[in-house]
Amino acid sequence: MKARWLTALAMLAGLPALIFLPPQPEAAEATDRVSGLARNGDWQLVQANCTECHSSALIIQNSGNRAVWQSRLVWMEQTQGMAALNPETEDRILSYLTENYGPRQSTRRAPLPNHLLPANPYPTL
């Protein structure tokens, strides 16, 4: 927040913002610039194996514990034609996914309470 304020002040004053701001580490260092995957552990193994069939965005938007990720791999093998991974590769991929895209709290907002909803003009069953 402070950096934004200083940047705005520098722009208003007609001075380059770099005078006021120390170099900031890029957030992109934590994620791959192309795939968006978290850049630690076996991210390149995941990228090489998983993005053969689908975008890395599908990985990033999902989450789950190891059992959830395992069930998704089984589903892809059984219904989508994915070749079975060798046990070592599967273990490394599951470890990466669990560590970087593990369970998270819901990002959906809570439903509105009834008193804030508009009246329903249709008959209910």
C-alpha atoms as a PDB file:
ATOM      1  CA  MET A   1       0.000   0.000   0.000  1.00  0.00           C
ATOM      2  CA  LYS A   2       2.815   2.365   0.910  1.00  0.00           C
ATOM      3  CA  ALA A   3       4.573   1.640  -2.388  1.00  0.00           C
ATOM      4  CA  ARG A   4       1.439   2.584  -4.352  1.00  0.00           C
ATOM      5  CA  TRP A   5       1.123   5.838  -2.450  1.00  0.00           C
ATOM      6  CA  LEU A   6       4.751   6.710  -3.161  1.00  0.00           C
ATOM      7  CA  THR A   7       4.357   5.768  -6.810  1.00  0.00           C
ATOM      8  CA  ALA A   8       1.287   7.989  -7.151  1.00  0.00           C
ATOM      9  CA  LEU A   9       3.056  10.839  -5.384  1.00  0.00           C
ATOM     10  CA  ALA A  10       6.063  10.528  -7.668  1.00  0.00           C
ATOM     11  CA  MET A  11       3.849  10.511 -10.758  1.00  0.00           C
ATOM     12  CA  LEU A  12       1.997  13.595  -9.563  1.00  0.00           C
ATOM     13  CA  ALA A  13       5.250  15.363  -8.919  1.00  0.00           C
ATOM     14  CA  GLY A  14       6.481  14.454 -12.387  1.00  0.00           C
ATOM     15  CA  LEU A  15       9.378  12.441 -10.970  1.00  0.00           C
ATOM     16  CA  PRO A  16      10.167   8.864 -11.861  1.00  0.00           C
ATOM     17  CA  ALA A  17       8.739   6.502  -9.281  1.00  0.00           C
ATOM     18  CA  LEU A  18      11.964   4.546  -9.223  1.00  0.00           C
ATOM     19  CA  ILE A  19      13.620   7.284  -7.179  1.00  0.00           C
ATOM     20  CA  PHE A  20      11.355   6.500  -4.232  1.00  0.00           C
ATOM     21  CA  LEU A  21      10.859   2.776  -4.538  1.00  0.00           C
ATOM     22  CA  PRO A  22      13.446   0.126  -3.748  1.00  0.00           C
ATOM     23  CA  PRO A  23      13.539  -2.751  -6.210  1.00  0.00           C
ATOM     24  CA  GLN A  24      10.748  -5.230  -5.445  1.00  0.00           C
ATOM     25  CA  PRO A  25      11.101  -8.948  -6.111  1.00  0.00           C
ATOM     26  CA  GLU A  26       8.870 -10.038  -8.952  1.00  0.00           C
ATOM     27  CA  ALA A  27       5.871 -12.153  -8.005  1.00  0.00           C
ATOM     28  CA  ALA A  28       6.524 -14.014 -11.244  1.00  0.00           C
ATOM     29  CA  GLU A  29       9.532 -15.668  -9.625  1.00  0.00           C
ATOM     30  CA  ALA A  30       7.143 -17.774  -7.550  1.00  0.00           C
ATOM     31  CA  THR A  31       5.193 -18.883 -10.627  1.00  0.00           C
ATOM     32  CA  ASP A  32       6.214 -19.798 -14.120  1.00  0.00           C
ATOM     33  CA  ARG A  33       5.541 -16.896 -16.461  1.00  0.00           C
ATOM     34  CA  VAL A  34       4.169 -19.114 -19.232  1.00  0.00           C
ATOM     35  CA  SER A  35       2.238 -21.857 -17.436  1.00  0.00           C
ATOM     36  CA  GLY A  36       1.374 -20.079 -14.192  1.00  0.00           C
ATOM     37  CA  LEU A  37       2.395 -23.151 -12.197  1.00  0.00           C
ATOM     38  CA  ALA A  38       4.109 -22.680  -8.840  1.00  0.00           C
ATOM     39  CA  ARG A  39       7.843 -22.914  -9.530  1.00  0.00           C
ATOM     40  CA  ASN A  40       9.064 -25.296  -6.899  1.00  0.00           C
ATOM     41  CA  GLY A  41       9.616 -28.996  -6.628  1.00  0.00           C
ATOM     42  CA  ASP A  42       8.582 -30.969  -9.683  1.00  0.00           C
ATOM     43  CA  TRP A  43       6.674 -28.221 -11.482  1.00  0.00           C
ATOM     44  CA  GLN A  44       8.395 -28.993 -14.778  1.00  0.00           C
ATOM     45  CA  LEU A  45       7.458 -32.675 -14.483  1.00  0.00           C
ATOM     46  CA  VAL A  46       3.832 -31.657 -13.921  1.00  0.00           C
ATOM     47  CA  GLN A  47       3.970 -29.233 -16.827  1.00  0.00           C
ATOM     48  CA  ALA A  48       5.457 -31.841 -19.150  1.00  0.00           C
ATOM     49  CA  ASN A  49       2.959 -34.568 -18.247  1.00  0.00           C
ATOM     50  CA  CYS A  50      -0.255 -32.703 -17.547  1.00  0.00           C
ATOM     51  CA  THR A  51      -0.266 -30.024 -20.216  1.00  0.00           C
ATOM     52  CA  GLU A  52      -0.023 -32.603 -22.972  1.00  0.00           C
ATOM     53  CA  CYS A  53      -3.803 -32.862 -22.784  1.00  0.00           C
ATOM     54  CA  HIS A  54      -5.060 -29.749 -21.014  1.00  0.00           C
ATOM     55  CA  SER A  55      -4.069 -26.246 -20.029  1.00  0.00           C
ATOM     56  CA  SER A  56      -2.173 -25.596 -16.817  1.00  0.00           C
ATOM     57  CA  ALA A  57      -5.054 -23.265 -15.912  1.00  0.00           C
ATOM     58  CA  LEU A  58      -7.117 -26.384 -15.229  1.00  0.00           C
ATOM     59  CA  ILE A  59      -4.554 -27.424 -12.611  1.00  0.00           C
ATOM     60  CA  ILE A  60      -4.272 -23.988 -11.011  1.00  0.00           C
ATOM     61  CA  GLN A  61      -8.020 -23.509 -10.572  1.00  0.00           C
ATOM     62  CA  ASN A  62      -8.385 -26.845  -8.778  1.00  0.00           C
ATOM     63  CA  SER A  63      -7.328 -27.996  -5.343  1.00  0.00           C
ATOM     64  CA  GLY A  64      -7.487 -31.042  -3.151  1.00  0.00           C
ATOM     65  CA  ASN A  65      -5.639 -33.395  -0.879  1.00  0.00           C
ATOM     66  CA  ARG A  66      -3.582 -36.281  -2.228  1.00  0.00           C
ATOM     67  CA  ALA A  67      -6.609 -38.603  -2.435  1.00  0.00           C
ATOM     68  CA  VAL A  68      -8.545 -36.020  -4.479  1.00  0.00           C
ATOM     69  CA  TRP A  69      -5.678 -35.535  -6.938  1.00  0.00           C
ATOM     70  CA  GLN A  70      -5.217 -39.334  -7.126  1.00  0.00           C
ATOM     71  CA  SER A  71      -8.907 -39.784  -7.958  1.00  0.00           C
ATOM     72  CA  ARG A  72      -8.577 -37.234 -10.752  1.00  0.00           C
ATOM     73  CA  LEU A  73      -5.640 -39.133 -12.243  1.00  0.00           C
ATOM     74  CA  VAL A  74      -7.628 -42.391 -12.085  1.00  0.00           C
ATOM     75  CA  TRP A  75     -10.611 -40.646 -13.728  1.00  0.00           C
ATOM     76  CA  MET A  76      -8.378 -39.339 -16.537  1.00  0.00           C
ATOM     77  CA  GLU A  77      -6.948 -42.825 -17.082  1.00  0.00           C
ATOM     78  CA  GLN A  78     -10.348 -44.549 -17.057  1.00  0.00           C
ATOM     79  CA  THR A  79     -12.410 -42.047 -19.031  1.00  0.00           C
ATOM     80  CA  GLN A  80     -10.126 -39.692 -20.917  1.00  0.00           C
ATOM     81  CA  GLY A  81      -7.565 -42.057 -22.405  1.00  0.00           C
ATOM     82  CA  MET A  82      -4.610 -40.915 -20.315  1.00  0.00           C
ATOM     83  CA  ALA A  83      -1.806 -43.466 -20.249  1.00  0.00           C
ATOM     84  CA  ALA A  84      -1.013 -44.804 -16.787  1.00  0.00           C
ATOM     85  CA  LEU A  85       1.943 -43.039 -15.208  1.00  0.00           C
ATOM     86  CA  ASN A  86       4.806 -45.049 -13.791  1.00  0.00           C
ATOM     87  CA  PRO A  87       4.571 -45.186  -9.975  1.00  0.00           C
ATOM     88  CA  GLU A  88       7.553 -42.871  -9.328  1.00  0.00           C
ATOM     89  CA  THR A  89       6.299 -40.178 -11.730  1.00  0.00           C
ATOM     90  CA  GLU A  90       2.780 -40.434 -10.327  1.00  0.00           C
ATOM     91  CA  ASP A  91       4.085 -40.083  -6.756  1.00  0.00           C
ATOM     92  CA  ARG A  92       6.144 -36.995  -7.655  1.00  0.00           C
ATOM     93  CA  ILE A  93       3.224 -35.380  -9.500  1.00  0.00           C
ATOM     94  CA  LEU A  94       0.822 -36.093  -6.630  1.00  0.00           C
ATOM     95  CA  SER A  95       3.315 -34.663  -4.121  1.00  0.00           C
ATOM     96  CA  TYR A  96       3.682 -31.471  -6.170  1.00  0.00           C
ATOM     97  CA  LEU A  97      -0.060 -31.044  -6.641  1.00  0.00           C
ATOM     98  CA  THR A  98      -0.834 -31.677  -2.981  1.00  0.00           C
ATOM     99  CA  GLU A  99       1.853 -29.263  -1.792  1.00  0.00           C
ATOM    100  CA  ASN A 100       1.052 -26.446  -4.211  1.00  0.00           C
ATOM    101  CA  TYR A 101      -2.655 -26.924  -4.889  1.00  0.00           C
ATOM    102  CA  GLY A 102      -3.836 -28.575  -1.704  1.00  0.00           C
ATOM    103  CA  PRO A 103      -7.174 -28.082   0.022  1.00  0.00           C
ATOM    104  CA  ARG A 104      -8.250 -24.488   0.407  1.00  0.00           C
ATOM    105  CA  GLN A 105     -11.185 -22.643   1.807  1.00  0.00           C
ATOM    106  CA  SER A 106     -13.940 -21.861  -0.613  1.00  0.00           C
ATOM    107  CA  THR A 107     -13.516 -18.631  -2.516  1.00  0.00           C
ATOM    108  CA  ARG A 108     -17.241 -18.354  -3.184  1.00  0.00           C
ATOM    109  CA  ARG A 109     -19.152 -15.809  -1.204  1.00  0.00           C
ATOM    110  CA  ALA A 110     -21.801 -16.967   1.224  1.00  0.00           C
ATOM    111  CA  PRO A 111     -25.370 -16.948  -0.111  1.00  0.00           C
ATOM    112  CA  LEU A 112     -27.440 -13.865   0.628  1.00  0.00           C
ATOM    113  CA  PRO A 113     -29.852 -14.162   3.537  1.00  0.00           C
ATOM    114  CA  ASN A 114     -33.528 -14.416   2.558  1.00  0.00           C
ATOM    115  CA  HIS A 115     -34.378 -10.930   3.840  1.00  0.00           C
ATOM    116  CA  LEU A 116     -31.985  -9.434   1.276  1.00  0.00           C
ATOM    117  CA  LEU A 117     -33.392 -11.349  -1.702  1.00  0.00           C
ATOM    118  CA  PRO A 118     -36.067  -9.883  -3.968  1.00  0.00           C
ATOM    119  CA  ALA A 119     -39.545 -11.351  -3.757  1.00  0.00           C
ATOM    120  CA  ASN A 120     -40.083 -14.368  -5.973  1.00  0.00           C
ATOM    121  CA  PRO A 121     -42.916 -13.553  -8.429  1.00  0.00           C
ATOM    122  CA  TYR A 122     -43.384 -17.220  -9.387  1.00  0.00           C
ATOM    123  CA  PRO A 123     -45.409 -19.770  -7.484  1.00  0.00           C
ATOM    124  CA  THR A 124     -43.339 -22.337  -5.604  1.00  0.00           C
ATOM    125  CA  LEU A 125     -44.128 -26.036  -5.551  1.00  0.00           C
END
